[in-house]
Protein backbone atom coordinates (compact mmCIF):
# COMPACT_ATOMS: atom_id res chain seq x y z
CA MET A 1 -0.04 -0.02 0.01
CA THR A 2 2.89 2.41 0.73
CA ASP A 3 3.98 2.06 -2.92
CA ASN A 4 0.71 3.67 -3.98
CA ASP A 5 0.63 6.50 -1.45
CA LEU A 6 0.29 9.80 -3.31
CA THR A 7 -0.01 12.07 -0.07
CA SER A 8 3.66 12.89 -0.27
CA TRP A 9 3.86 13.65 -3.98
CA LYS A 10 3.44 17.11 -5.47
CA PRO A 11 2.42 17.02 -9.09
CA LYS A 12 4.35 19.27 -11.46
CA SER A 13 1.68 19.27 -14.26
CA PRO A 14 -2.11 19.91 -13.97
CA LEU A 15 -3.90 17.06 -12.27
CA TYR A 16 -7.72 16.68 -12.38
CA LEU A 17 -9.37 14.40 -9.82
CA LEU A 18 -12.97 13.66 -10.08
CA HIS A 19 -14.65 11.36 -7.49
CA GLY A 20 -18.24 10.47 -6.60
CA ASP A 21 -18.91 10.99 -2.83
CA ALA A 22 -21.05 7.82 -2.70
CA ASP A 23 -18.58 5.45 -4.52
CA GLU A 24 -19.19 2.05 -3.17
CA TYR A 25 -15.78 0.63 -4.29
CA ILE A 26 -13.18 3.32 -3.65
CA PRO A 27 -13.84 5.60 -0.63
CA PHE A 28 -14.16 9.33 -1.61
CA LEU A 29 -12.13 9.98 1.56
CA ASN A 30 -9.04 8.56 -0.25
CA THR A 31 -9.30 11.11 -2.97
CA GLU A 32 -10.08 13.92 -0.51
CA ILE A 33 -6.97 13.09 1.74
CA THR A 34 -4.63 12.91 -1.36
CA TYR A 35 -6.01 16.17 -2.84
CA ASN A 36 -5.53 18.00 0.56
CA ALA A 37 -2.04 16.63 0.99
CA MET A 38 -1.04 17.70 -2.50
CA GLU A 39 -2.50 21.13 -1.89
CA LYS A 40 -0.63 21.42 1.46
CA LEU A 41 2.67 20.61 -0.41
CA GLY A 42 1.94 23.42 -2.93
CA ALA A 43 0.47 21.83 -5.85
CA LEU A 44 -1.16 24.83 -7.56
CA THR A 45 -2.68 23.06 -10.59
CA THR A 46 -4.53 20.16 -8.93
CA SER A 47 -8.24 20.26 -8.78
CA LEU A 48 -10.83 18.09 -7.16
CA VAL A 49 -14.36 17.75 -8.54
CA THR A 50 -16.83 16.10 -6.23
CA ILE A 51 -19.91 14.29 -7.74
CA PRO A 52 -22.66 14.46 -5.17
CA LYS A 53 -24.25 11.08 -4.72
CA GLY A 54 -21.98 9.77 -7.51
CA THR A 55 -21.50 5.84 -7.32
CA HIS A 56 -18.60 4.17 -9.01
CA VAL A 57 -19.84 3.24 -12.48
CA PRO A 58 -21.81 6.32 -13.49
CA THR A 59 -19.14 8.60 -12.17
CA GLU A 60 -16.58 6.54 -13.99
CA ILE A 61 -18.43 7.31 -17.28
CA LEU A 62 -18.63 10.94 -16.35
CA PHE A 63 -14.92 10.92 -15.55
CA ILE A 64 -14.06 9.67 -18.99
CA ARG A 65 -16.20 12.22 -20.81
CA ARG A 66 -14.84 15.21 -18.75
CA SER A 67 -11.31 13.90 -19.09
CA VAL A 68 -11.49 13.78 -22.82
CA ALA A 69 -12.89 17.27 -22.84
CA TRP A 70 -10.08 18.43 -20.31
CA PHE A 71 -7.35 16.94 -22.44
CA ASN A 72 -8.80 18.45 -25.68
CA ALA A 73 -8.86 21.88 -23.98
CA ALA A 74 -5.33 21.43 -22.68
CA ARG A 75 -4.10 20.59 -26.19
CA LYS A 76 -5.44 23.87 -27.50
CA THR A 77 -3.67 25.92 -24.72
CA PRO A 78 -0.35 27.22 -25.86
């Protein structure tokens, strides 16, 4: 588990986290702790989007759609 710990890592590029707060497989708290730790380390380009009442599969589909849009927008940014 410690190999997968992201709480001591500060991303250097933009990072987009999206998580449903009702995810029945991966606790939302995991993402929230990770995001807060990254912010505390000074990660300025990290964002967390919470999907209220979002469960795992519907949120995963939404994540894919929003990620594609996010990458397309980033590609157009000089």
